[in-house]
Amino acid sequence: MVPAMSIDAANQALAAYRATAAELNRPQPSSAAASGFDSLLRTELQQAVGALQRGEQAGIAAVTGSMSIQEVVEAVTEAELTLQKVTAVRDRVITAYQEIMRMPI
């Protein structure tokens, strides 16, 4: 079960999500190094933001009745799985950073 959020907390989370989406959609300079990990991470984050936006739009469509329940459930489930994936990657990155910081120099 998901814990309840206050309206202010939900609005702050939505603002942060939209700021991240805007940052990801900003064009980046091209370089040979951009074809590596940076490119992969950027592509995955753009896809994640897209999935979350589709879930948000499906929720709005559900309220207006313009989308079937099955389509809404599929979009929301995709958004939930995407959020879990992004959270897992974030946790792994933080763990790796902490391990690096513990290494003796």
PDB file of N, CA and C in Angstrom:
ATOM      1  N   MET A   1       0.836  -1.173   0.000  1.00  0.00           N
ATOM      2  CA  MET A   1       0.000   0.000   0.000  1.00  0.00           C
ATOM      3  C   MET A   1       0.885   1.241   0.000  1.00  0.00           C
ATOM      4  N   VAL A   2       0.527   2.207  -0.795  1.00  0.00           N
ATOM      5  CA  VAL A   2       1.291   3.446  -0.926  1.00  0.00           C
ATOM      6  C   VAL A   2       0.864   4.410   0.175  1.00  0.00           C
ATOM      7  N   PRO A   3       1.837   5.017   0.915  1.00  0.00           N
ATOM      8  CA  PRO A   3       1.470   5.959   1.956  1.00  0.00           C
ATOM      9  C   PRO A   3       0.856   7.220   1.355  1.00  0.00           C
ATOM     10  N   ALA A   4      -0.050   7.843   2.106  1.00  0.00           N
ATOM     11  CA  ALA A   4      -0.714   9.056   1.651  1.00  0.00           C
ATOM     12  C   ALA A   4       0.266  10.214   1.637  1.00  0.00           C
ATOM     13  N   MET A   5       0.102  11.104   0.649  1.00  0.00           N
ATOM     14  CA  MET A   5       0.942  12.289   0.525  1.00  0.00           C
ATOM     15  C   MET A   5       0.064  13.514   0.703  1.00  0.00           C
ATOM     16  N   SER A   6       0.635  14.551   1.252  1.00  0.00           N
ATOM     17  CA  SER A   6      -0.097  15.796   1.315  1.00  0.00           C
ATOM     18  C   SER A   6      -0.117  16.412  -0.074  1.00  0.00           C
ATOM     19  N   ILE A   7      -1.037  17.321  -0.297  1.00  0.00           N
ATOM     20  CA  ILE A   7      -1.149  17.985  -1.591  1.00  0.00           C
ATOM     21  C   ILE A   7       0.131  18.761  -1.901  1.00  0.00           C
ATOM     22  N   ASP A   8       0.696  19.437  -0.892  1.00  0.00           N
ATOM     23  CA  ASP A   8       1.931  20.200  -1.103  1.00  0.00           C
ATOM     24  C   ASP A   8       3.081  19.279  -1.511  1.00  0.00           C
ATOM     25  N   ALA A   9       3.212  18.139  -0.846  1.00  0.00           N
ATOM     26  CA  ALA A   9       4.282  17.198  -1.174  1.00  0.00           C
ATOM     27  C   ALA A   9       4.092  16.647  -2.581  1.00  0.00           C
ATOM     28  N   ALA A  10       2.855  16.358  -2.947  1.00  0.00           N
ATOM     29  CA  ALA A  10       2.573  15.852  -4.286  1.00  0.00           C
ATOM     30  C   ALA A  10       2.892  16.913  -5.338  1.00  0.00           C
ATOM     31  N   ASN A  11       2.539  18.157  -5.071  1.00  0.00           N
ATOM     32  CA  ASN A  11       2.839  19.241  -6.007  1.00  0.00           C
ATOM     33  C   ASN A  11       4.340  19.452  -6.145  1.00  0.00           C
ATOM     34  N   GLN A  12       5.084  19.337  -5.048  1.00  0.00           N
ATOM     35  CA  GLN A  12       6.542  19.487  -5.100  1.00  0.00           C
ATOM     36  C   GLN A  12       7.162  18.345  -5.902  1.00  0.00           C
ATOM     37  N   ALA A  13       6.680  17.132  -5.694  1.00  0.00           N
ATOM     38  CA  ALA A  13       7.200  15.982  -6.445  1.00  0.00           C
ATOM     39  C   ALA A  13       6.896  16.142  -7.930  1.00  0.00           C
ATOM     40  N   LEU A  14       5.698  16.630  -8.260  1.00  0.00           N
ATOM     41  CA  LEU A  14       5.329  16.842  -9.652  1.00  0.00           C
ATOM     42  C   LEU A  14       6.196  17.924 -10.285  1.00  0.00           C
ATOM     43  N   ALA A  15       6.480  18.997  -9.555  1.00  0.00           N
ATOM     44  CA  ALA A  15       7.334  20.067 -10.072  1.00  0.00           C
ATOM     45  C   ALA A  15       8.750  19.555 -10.329  1.00  0.00           C
ATOM     46  N   ALA A  16       9.285  18.747  -9.407  1.00  0.00           N
ATOM     47  CA  ALA A  16      10.620  18.180  -9.589  1.00  0.00           C
ATOM     48  C   ALA A  16      10.647  17.237 -10.786  1.00  0.00           C
ATOM     49  N   TYR A  17       9.612  16.445 -10.945  1.00  0.00           N
ATOM     50  CA  TYR A  17       9.501  15.510 -12.078  1.00  0.00           C
ATOM     51  C   TYR A  17       9.472  16.281 -13.398  1.00  0.00           C
ATOM     52  N   ARG A  18       8.694  17.363 -13.457  1.00  0.00           N
ATOM     53  CA  ARG A  18       8.602  18.143 -14.691  1.00  0.00           C
ATOM     54  C   ARG A  18       9.910  18.861 -14.988  1.00  0.00           C
ATOM     55  N   ALA A  19      10.612  19.334 -13.956  1.00  0.00           N
ATOM     56  CA  ALA A  19      11.910  19.978 -14.167  1.00  0.00           C
ATOM     57  C   ALA A  19      12.915  18.976 -14.737  1.00  0.00           C
ATOM     58  N   THR A  20      12.886  17.750 -14.222  1.00  0.00           N
ATOM     59  CA  THR A  20      13.770  16.705 -14.724  1.00  0.00           C
ATOM     60  C   THR A  20      13.434  16.371 -16.175  1.00  0.00           C
ATOM     61  N   ALA A  21      12.151  16.299 -16.479  1.00  0.00           N
ATOM     62  CA  ALA A  21      11.732  16.012 -17.854  1.00  0.00           C
ATOM     63  C   ALA A  21      12.202  17.109 -18.803  1.00  0.00           C
ATOM     64  N   ALA A  22      12.088  18.361 -18.376  1.00  0.00           N
ATOM     65  CA  ALA A  22      12.541  19.475 -19.218  1.00  0.00           C
ATOM     66  C   ALA A  22      14.050  19.416 -19.427  1.00  0.00           C
ATOM     67  N   GLU A  23      14.790  19.067 -18.393  1.00  0.00           N
ATOM     68  CA  GLU A  23      16.250  18.974 -18.496  1.00  0.00           C
ATOM     69  C   GLU A  23      16.652  17.854 -19.451  1.00  0.00           C
ATOM     70  N   LEU A  24      15.962  16.738 -19.409  1.00  0.00           N
ATOM     71  CA  LEU A  24      16.296  15.613 -20.281  1.00  0.00           C
ATOM     72  C   LEU A  24      15.982  15.905 -21.740  1.00  0.00           C
ATOM     73  N   ASN A  25      15.001  16.752 -21.986  1.00  0.00           N
ATOM     74  CA  ASN A  25      14.619  17.062 -23.361  1.00  0.00           C
ATOM     75  C   ASN A  25      15.470  18.169 -23.966  1.00  0.00           C
ATOM     76  N   ARG A  26      16.326  18.806 -23.173  1.00  0.00           N
ATOM     77  CA  ARG A  26      17.200  19.860 -23.677  1.00  0.00           C
ATOM     78  C   ARG A  26      18.256  19.234 -24.580  1.00  0.00           C
ATOM     79  N   PRO A  27      18.511  19.829 -25.756  1.00  0.00           N
ATOM     80  CA  PRO A  27      19.528  19.258 -26.652  1.00  0.00           C
ATOM     81  C   PRO A  27      20.923  19.324 -26.039  1.00  0.00           C
ATOM     82  N   GLN A  28      21.699  18.282 -26.299  1.00  0.00           N
ATOM     83  CA  GLN A  28      23.058  18.179 -25.770  1.00  0.00           C
ATOM     84  C   GLN A  28      24.051  18.270 -26.917  1.00  0.00           C
ATOM     85  N   PRO A  29      25.245  18.823 -26.652  1.00  0.00           N
ATOM     86  CA  PRO A  29      26.263  18.865 -27.701  1.00  0.00           C
ATOM     87  C   PRO A  29      26.699  17.446 -28.057  1.00  0.00           C
ATOM     88  N   SER A  30      26.951  17.227 -29.335  1.00  0.00           N
ATOM     89  CA  SER A  30      27.361  15.886 -29.748  1.00  0.00           C
ATOM     90  C   SER A  30      28.877  15.745 -29.647  1.00  0.00           C
ATOM     91  N   SER A  31      29.291  14.568 -29.245  1.00  0.00           N
ATOM     92  CA  SER A  31      30.710  14.258 -29.176  1.00  0.00           C
ATOM     93  C   SER A  31      30.877  12.754 -29.270  1.00  0.00           C
ATOM     94  N   ALA A  32      32.093  12.335 -29.474  1.00  0.00           N
ATOM     95  CA  ALA A  32      32.365  10.899 -29.579  1.00  0.00           C
ATOM     96  C   ALA A  32      32.124  10.202 -28.256  1.00  0.00           C
ATOM     97  N   ALA A  33      32.412  10.884 -27.132  1.00  0.00           N
ATOM     98  CA  ALA A  33      32.233  10.281 -25.810  1.00  0.00           C
ATOM     99  C   ALA A  33      30.759  10.138 -25.446  1.00  0.00           C
ATOM    100  N   ALA A  34      29.888  10.896 -26.103  1.00  0.00           N
ATOM    101  CA  ALA A  34      28.462  10.847 -25.787  1.00  0.00           C
ATOM    102  C   ALA A  34      27.820   9.536 -26.217  1.00  0.00           C
ATOM    103  N   SER A  35      28.506   8.742 -27.003  1.00  0.00           N
ATOM    104  CA  SER A  35      27.923   7.485 -27.457  1.00  0.00           C
ATOM    105  C   SER A  35      28.089   6.374 -26.428  1.00  0.00           C
ATOM    106  N   GLY A  36      28.652   6.655 -25.287  1.00  0.00           N
ATOM    107  CA  GLY A  36      28.889   5.646 -24.267  1.00  0.00           C
ATOM    108  C   GLY A  36      27.815   5.618 -23.203  1.00  0.00           C
ATOM    109  N   PHE A  37      28.268   5.554 -21.968  1.00  0.00           N
ATOM    110  CA  PHE A  37      27.374   5.422 -20.825  1.00  0.00           C
ATOM    111  C   PHE A  37      26.423   6.610 -20.694  1.00  0.00           C
ATOM    112  N   ASP A  38      26.916   7.811 -20.958  1.00  0.00           N
ATOM    113  CA  ASP A  38      26.088   9.008 -20.871  1.00  0.00           C
ATOM    114  C   ASP A  38      24.889   8.909 -21.803  1.00  0.00           C
ATOM    115  N   SER A  39      25.148   8.471 -23.015  1.00  0.00           N
ATOM    116  CA  SER A  39      24.081   8.328 -23.998  1.00  0.00           C
ATOM    117  C   SER A  39      23.064   7.277 -23.558  1.00  0.00           C
ATOM    118  N   LEU A  40      23.546   6.155 -23.072  1.00  0.00           N
ATOM    119  CA  LEU A  40      22.670   5.086 -22.600  1.00  0.00           C
ATOM    120  C   LEU A  40      21.796   5.569 -21.448  1.00  0.00           C
ATOM    121  N   LEU A  41      22.423   6.232 -20.495  1.00  0.00           N
ATOM    122  CA  LEU A  41      21.679   6.725 -19.331  1.00  0.00           C
ATOM    123  C   LEU A  41      20.647   7.765 -19.735  1.00  0.00           C
ATOM    124  N   ARG A  42      21.028   8.681 -20.622  1.00  0.00           N
ATOM    125  CA  ARG A  42      20.105   9.715 -21.083  1.00  0.00           C
ATOM    126  C   ARG A  42      18.901   9.088 -21.796  1.00  0.00           C
ATOM    127  N   THR A  43      19.159   8.109 -22.661  1.00  0.00           N
ATOM    128  CA  THR A  43      18.077   7.440 -23.386  1.00  0.00           C
ATOM    129  C   THR A  43      17.133   6.730 -22.420  1.00  0.00           C
ATOM    130  N   GLU A  44      17.692   6.017 -21.465  1.00  0.00           N
ATOM    131  CA  GLU A  44      16.858   5.308 -20.489  1.00  0.00           C
ATOM    132  C   GLU A  44      16.020   6.280 -19.655  1.00  0.00           C
ATOM    133  N   LEU A  45      16.614   7.395 -19.253  1.00  0.00           N
ATOM    134  CA  LEU A  45      15.868   8.384 -18.465  1.00  0.00           C
ATOM    135  C   LEU A  45      14.777   9.044 -19.288  1.00  0.00           C
ATOM    136  N   GLN A  46      15.044   9.304 -20.561  1.00  0.00           N
ATOM    137  CA  GLN A  46      14.007   9.870 -21.425  1.00  0.00           C
ATOM    138  C   GLN A  46      12.847   8.897 -21.586  1.00  0.00           C
ATOM    139  N   GLN A  47      13.155   7.622 -21.736  1.00  0.00           N
ATOM    140  CA  GLN A  47      12.102   6.609 -21.844  1.00  0.00           C
ATOM    141  C   GLN A  47      11.311   6.508 -20.539  1.00  0.00           C
ATOM    142  N   ALA A  48      12.012   6.627 -19.409  1.00  0.00           N
ATOM    143  CA  ALA A  48      11.339   6.572 -18.112  1.00  0.00           C
ATOM    144  C   ALA A  48      10.397   7.753 -17.944  1.00  0.00           C
ATOM    145  N   VAL A  49      10.856   8.925 -18.304  1.00  0.00           N
ATOM    146  CA  VAL A  49      10.008  10.115 -18.208  1.00  0.00           C
ATOM    147  C   VAL A  49       8.802   9.966 -19.125  1.00  0.00           C
ATOM    148  N   GLY A  50       9.021   9.431 -20.317  1.00  0.00           N
ATOM    149  CA  GLY A  50       7.908   9.198 -21.243  1.00  0.00           C
ATOM    150  C   GLY A  50       6.881   8.241 -20.663  1.00  0.00           C
ATOM    151  N   ALA A  51       7.334   7.179 -20.034  1.00  0.00           N
ATOM    152  CA  ALA A  51       6.417   6.211 -19.425  1.00  0.00           C
ATOM    153  C   ALA A  51       5.634   6.854 -18.285  1.00  0.00           C
ATOM    154  N   LEU A  52       6.314   7.666 -17.491  1.00  0.00           N
ATOM    155  CA  LEU A  52       5.628   8.344 -16.388  1.00  0.00           C
ATOM    156  C   LEU A  52       4.613   9.355 -16.915  1.00  0.00           C
ATOM    157  N   GLN A  53       4.944  10.040 -17.990  1.00  0.00           N
ATOM    158  CA  GLN A  53       4.003  10.986 -18.584  1.00  0.00           C
ATOM    159  C   GLN A  53       2.794  10.264 -19.164  1.00  0.00           C
ATOM    160  N   ARG A  54       3.031   9.115 -19.797  1.00  0.00           N
ATOM    161  CA  ARG A  54       1.910   8.332 -20.324  1.00  0.00           C
ATOM    162  C   ARG A  54       1.001   7.849 -19.190  1.00  0.00           C
ATOM    163  N   GLY A  55       1.593   7.457 -18.070  1.00  0.00           N
ATOM    164  CA  GLY A  55       0.795   7.047 -16.921  1.00  0.00           C
ATOM    165  C   GLY A  55      -0.026   8.191 -16.379  1.00  0.00           C
ATOM    166  N   GLU A  56       0.584   9.381 -16.326  1.00  0.00           N
ATOM    167  CA  GLU A  56      -0.134  10.571 -15.859  1.00  0.00           C
ATOM    168  C   GLU A  56      -1.289  10.905 -16.804  1.00  0.00           C
ATOM    169  N   GLN A  57      -1.028  10.857 -18.104  1.00  0.00           N
ATOM    170  CA  GLN A  57      -2.074  11.141 -19.087  1.00  0.00           C
ATOM    171  C   GLN A  57      -3.188  10.092 -19.031  1.00  0.00           C
ATOM    172  N   ALA A  58      -2.821   8.843 -18.774  1.00  0.00           N
ATOM    173  CA  ALA A  58      -3.829   7.785 -18.667  1.00  0.00           C
ATOM    174  C   ALA A  58      -4.715   8.015 -17.448  1.00  0.00           C
ATOM    175  N   GLY A  59      -4.120   8.465 -16.352  1.00  0.00           N
ATOM    176  CA  GLY A  59      -4.920   8.775 -15.170  1.00  0.00           C
ATOM    177  C   GLY A  59      -5.915   9.882 -15.440  1.00  0.00           C
ATOM    178  N   ILE A  60      -5.481  10.889 -16.161  1.00  0.00           N
ATOM    179  CA  ILE A  60      -6.389  11.984 -16.524  1.00  0.00           C
ATOM    180  C   ILE A  60      -7.475  11.481 -17.465  1.00  0.00           C
ATOM    181  N   ALA A  61      -7.096  10.641 -18.429  1.00  0.00           N
ATOM    182  CA  ALA A  61      -8.069  10.080 -19.360  1.00  0.00           C
ATOM    183  C   ALA A  61      -9.069   9.187 -18.640  1.00  0.00           C
ATOM    184  N   ALA A  62      -8.632   8.513 -17.585  1.00  0.00           N
ATOM    185  CA  ALA A  62      -9.544   7.659 -16.823  1.00  0.00           C
ATOM    186  C   ALA A  62     -10.603   8.495 -16.129  1.00  0.00           C
ATOM    187  N   VAL A  63     -10.195   9.638 -15.620  1.00  0.00           N
ATOM    188  CA  VAL A  63     -11.146  10.517 -14.929  1.00  0.00           C
ATOM    189  C   VAL A  63     -12.179  11.059 -15.913  1.00  0.00           C
ATOM    190  N   THR A  64     -11.726  11.392 -17.121  1.00  0.00           N
ATOM    191  CA  THR A  64     -12.652  11.929 -18.114  1.00  0.00           C
ATOM    192  C   THR A  64     -13.434  10.835 -18.835  1.00  0.00           C
ATOM    193  N   GLY A  65     -13.017   9.581 -18.681  1.00  0.00           N
ATOM    194  CA  GLY A  65     -13.722   8.463 -19.301  1.00  0.00           C
ATOM    195  C   GLY A  65     -13.381   8.260 -20.767  1.00  0.00           C
ATOM    196  N   SER A  66     -12.285   8.837 -21.231  1.00  0.00           N
ATOM    197  CA  SER A  66     -11.931   8.724 -22.643  1.00  0.00           C
ATOM    198  C   SER A  66     -10.977   7.571 -22.940  1.00  0.00           C
ATOM    199  N   MET A  67     -10.686   6.760 -21.937  1.00  0.00           N
ATOM    200  CA  MET A  67      -9.773   5.630 -22.134  1.00  0.00           C
ATOM    201  C   MET A  67     -10.339   4.432 -21.385  1.00  0.00           C
ATOM    202  N   SER A  68     -10.161   3.248 -21.966  1.00  0.00           N
ATOM    203  CA  SER A  68     -10.683   2.043 -21.316  1.00  0.00           C
ATOM    204  C   SER A  68      -9.888   1.743 -20.042  1.00  0.00           C
ATOM    205  N   ILE A  69     -10.516   1.025 -19.139  1.00  0.00           N
ATOM    206  CA  ILE A  69      -9.879   0.670 -17.872  1.00  0.00           C
ATOM    207  C   ILE A  69      -8.617  -0.160 -18.116  1.00  0.00           C
ATOM    208  N   GLN A  70      -8.667  -1.069 -19.083  1.00  0.00           N
ATOM    209  CA  GLN A  70      -7.506  -1.909 -19.363  1.00  0.00           C
ATOM    210  C   GLN A  70      -6.319  -1.059 -19.812  1.00  0.00           C
ATOM    211  N   GLU A  71      -6.549  -0.089 -20.680  1.00  0.00           N
ATOM    212  CA  GLU A  71      -5.468   0.780 -21.148  1.00  0.00           C
ATOM    213  C   GLU A  71      -4.893   1.608 -20.007  1.00  0.00           C
ATOM    214  N   VAL A  72      -5.767   2.064 -19.126  1.00  0.00           N
ATOM    215  CA  VAL A  72      -5.320   2.852 -17.968  1.00  0.00           C
ATOM    216  C   VAL A  72      -4.451   1.995 -17.057  1.00  0.00           C
ATOM    217  N   VAL A  73      -4.896   0.784 -16.777  1.00  0.00           N
ATOM    218  CA  VAL A  73      -4.139  -0.113 -15.907  1.00  0.00           C
ATOM    219  C   VAL A  73      -2.786  -0.435 -16.519  1.00  0.00           C
ATOM    220  N   GLU A  74      -2.747  -0.682 -17.820  1.00  0.00           N
ATOM    221  CA  GLU A  74      -1.479  -0.978 -18.488  1.00  0.00           C
ATOM    222  C   GLU A  74      -0.519   0.202 -18.404  1.00  0.00           C
ATOM    223  N   ALA A  75      -1.015   1.414 -18.660  1.00  0.00           N
ATOM    224  CA  ALA A  75      -0.154   2.602 -18.625  1.00  0.00           C
ATOM    225  C   ALA A  75       0.346   2.886 -17.216  1.00  0.00           C
ATOM    226  N   VAL A  76      -0.533   2.744 -16.239  1.00  0.00           N
ATOM    227  CA  VAL A  76      -0.135   3.003 -14.854  1.00  0.00           C
ATOM    228  C   VAL A  76       0.839   1.932 -14.361  1.00  0.00           C
ATOM    229  N   THR A  77       0.621   0.686 -14.758  1.00  0.00           N
ATOM    230  CA  THR A  77       1.536  -0.390 -14.383  1.00  0.00           C
ATOM    231  C   THR A  77       2.911  -0.177 -15.007  1.00  0.00           C
ATOM    232  N   GLU A  78       2.938   0.245 -16.279  1.00  0.00           N
ATOM    233  CA  GLU A  78       4.217   0.547 -16.933  1.00  0.00           C
ATOM    234  C   GLU A  78       4.938   1.680 -16.197  1.00  0.00           C
ATOM    235  N   ALA A  79       4.184   2.708 -15.809  1.00  0.00           N
ATOM    236  CA  ALA A  79       4.790   3.828 -15.085  1.00  0.00           C
ATOM    237  C   ALA A  79       5.328   3.375 -13.731  1.00  0.00           C
ATOM    238  N   GLU A  80       4.583   2.509 -13.048  1.00  0.00           N
ATOM    239  CA  GLU A  80       5.027   2.007 -11.751  1.00  0.00           C
ATOM    240  C   GLU A  80       6.306   1.181 -11.877  1.00  0.00           C
ATOM    241  N   LEU A  81       6.349   0.293 -12.862  1.00  0.00           N
ATOM    242  CA  LEU A  81       7.547  -0.523 -13.075  1.00  0.00           C
ATOM    243  C   LEU A  81       8.751   0.343 -13.466  1.00  0.00           C
ATOM    244  N   THR A  82       8.501   1.355 -14.271  1.00  0.00           N
ATOM    245  CA  THR A  82       9.564   2.272 -14.663  1.00  0.00           C
ATOM    246  C   THR A  82      10.110   3.009 -13.455  1.00  0.00           C
ATOM    247  N   LEU A  83       9.216   3.472 -12.593  1.00  0.00           N
ATOM    248  CA  LEU A  83       9.650   4.175 -11.386  1.00  0.00           C
ATOM    249  C   LEU A  83      10.461   3.254 -10.482  1.00  0.00           C
ATOM    250  N   GLN A  84      10.055   1.992 -10.373  1.00  0.00           N
ATOM    251  CA  GLN A  84      10.813   1.039  -9.574  1.00  0.00           C
ATOM    252  C   GLN A  84      12.201   0.805 -10.172  1.00  0.00           C
ATOM    253  N   LYS A  85      12.297   0.742 -11.504  1.00  0.00           N
ATOM    254  CA  LYS A  85      13.587   0.550 -12.169  1.00  0.00           C
ATOM    255  C   LYS A  85      14.500   1.744 -11.932  1.00  0.00           C
ATOM    256  N   VAL A  86      13.964   2.943 -12.084  1.00  0.00           N
ATOM    257  CA  VAL A  86      14.765   4.153 -11.871  1.00  0.00           C
ATOM    258  C   VAL A  86      15.239   4.227 -10.423  1.00  0.00           C
ATOM    259  N   THR A  87      14.377   3.872  -9.485  1.00  0.00           N
ATOM    260  CA  THR A  87      14.749   3.881  -8.074  1.00  0.00           C
ATOM    261  C   THR A  87      15.849   2.860  -7.796  1.00  0.00           C
ATOM    262  N   ALA A  88      15.755   1.687  -8.399  1.00  0.00           N
ATOM    263  CA  ALA A  88      16.780   0.657  -8.203  1.00  0.00           C
ATOM    264  C   ALA A  88      18.127   1.101  -8.770  1.00  0.00           C
ATOM    265  N   VAL A  89      18.109   1.728  -9.941  1.00  0.00           N
ATOM    266  CA  VAL A  89      19.358   2.217 -10.536  1.00  0.00           C
ATOM    267  C   VAL A  89      19.948   3.309  -9.659  1.00  0.00           C
ATOM    268  N   ARG A  90      19.105   4.224  -9.191  1.00  0.00           N
ATOM    269  CA  ARG A  90      19.582   5.290  -8.306  1.00  0.00           C
ATOM    270  C   ARG A  90      20.237   4.708  -7.057  1.00  0.00           C
ATOM    271  N   ASP A  91      19.605   3.709  -6.466  1.00  0.00           N
ATOM    272  CA  ASP A  91      20.166   3.084  -5.265  1.00  0.00           C
ATOM    273  C   ASP A  91      21.518   2.437  -5.552  1.00  0.00           C
ATOM    274  N   ARG A  92      21.641   1.790  -6.715  1.00  0.00           N
ATOM    275  CA  ARG A  92      22.915   1.166  -7.087  1.00  0.00           C
ATOM    276  C   ARG A  92      24.010   2.207  -7.298  1.00  0.00           C
ATOM    277  N   VAL A  93      23.653   3.332  -7.919  1.00  0.00           N
ATOM    278  CA  VAL A  93      24.631   4.400  -8.148  1.00  0.00           C
ATOM    279  C   VAL A  93      25.096   4.975  -6.816  1.00  0.00           C
ATOM    280  N   ILE A  94      24.177   5.188  -5.900  1.00  0.00           N
ATOM    281  CA  ILE A  94      24.542   5.719  -4.578  1.00  0.00           C
ATOM    282  C   ILE A  94      25.438   4.738  -3.849  1.00  0.00           C
ATOM    283  N   THR A  95      25.117   3.458  -3.909  1.00  0.00           N
ATOM    284  CA  THR A  95      25.940   2.438  -3.263  1.00  0.00           C
ATOM    285  C   THR A  95      27.343   2.407  -3.868  1.00  0.00           C
ATOM    286  N   ALA A  96      27.434   2.486  -5.184  1.00  0.00           N
ATOM    287  CA  ALA A  96      28.746   2.493  -5.835  1.00  0.00           C
ATOM    288  C   ALA A  96      29.552   3.722  -5.429  1.00  0.00           C
ATOM    289  N   TYR A  97      28.898   4.867  -5.367  1.00  0.00           N
ATOM    290  CA  TYR A  97      29.575   6.092  -4.952  1.00  0.00           C
ATOM    291  C   TYR A  97      30.104   5.966  -3.521  1.00  0.00           C
ATOM    292  N   GLN A  98      29.288   5.405  -2.642  1.00  0.00           N
ATOM    293  CA  GLN A  98      29.722   5.234  -1.248  1.00  0.00           C
ATOM    294  C   GLN A  98      30.903   4.270  -1.158  1.00  0.00           C
ATOM    295  N   GLU A  99      30.896   3.216  -1.964  1.00  0.00           N
ATOM    296  CA  GLU A  99      32.029   2.285  -1.984  1.00  0.00           C
ATOM    297  C   GLU A  99      33.301   2.968  -2.469  1.00  0.00           C
ATOM    298  N   ILE A 100      33.174   3.788  -3.490  1.00  0.00           N
ATOM    299  CA  ILE A 100      34.336   4.511  -3.992  1.00  0.00           C
ATOM    300  C   ILE A 100      34.877   5.465  -2.937  1.00  0.00           C
ATOM    301  N   MET A 101      33.988   6.118  -2.221  1.00  0.00           N
ATOM    302  CA  MET A 101      34.419   7.077  -1.186  1.00  0.00           C
ATOM    303  C   MET A 101      35.112   6.368  -0.029  1.00  0.00           C
ATOM    304  N   ARG A 102      34.802   5.103   0.200  1.00  0.00           N
ATOM    305  CA  ARG A 102      35.442   4.345   1.288  1.00  0.00           C
ATOM    306  C   ARG A 102      36.803   3.792   0.900  1.00  0.00           C
ATOM    307  N   MET A 103      37.152   3.840  -0.371  1.00  0.00           N
ATOM    308  CA  MET A 103      38.441   3.287  -0.820  1.00  0.00           C
ATOM    309  C   MET A 103      39.578   4.150  -0.302  1.00  0.00           C
ATOM    310  N   PRO A 104      40.624   3.497   0.209  1.00  0.00           N
ATOM    311  CA  PRO A 104      41.795   4.273   0.652  1.00  0.00           C
ATOM    312  C   PRO A 104      42.559   4.824  -0.564  1.00  0.00           C
ATOM    313  N   ILE A 105      43.120   5.975  -0.366  1.00  0.00           N
ATOM    314  CA  ILE A 105      43.864   6.620  -1.463  1.00  0.00           C
ATOM    315  C   ILE A 105      45.343   6.329  -1.314  1.00  0.00           C
TER     316      ILE A 105
END
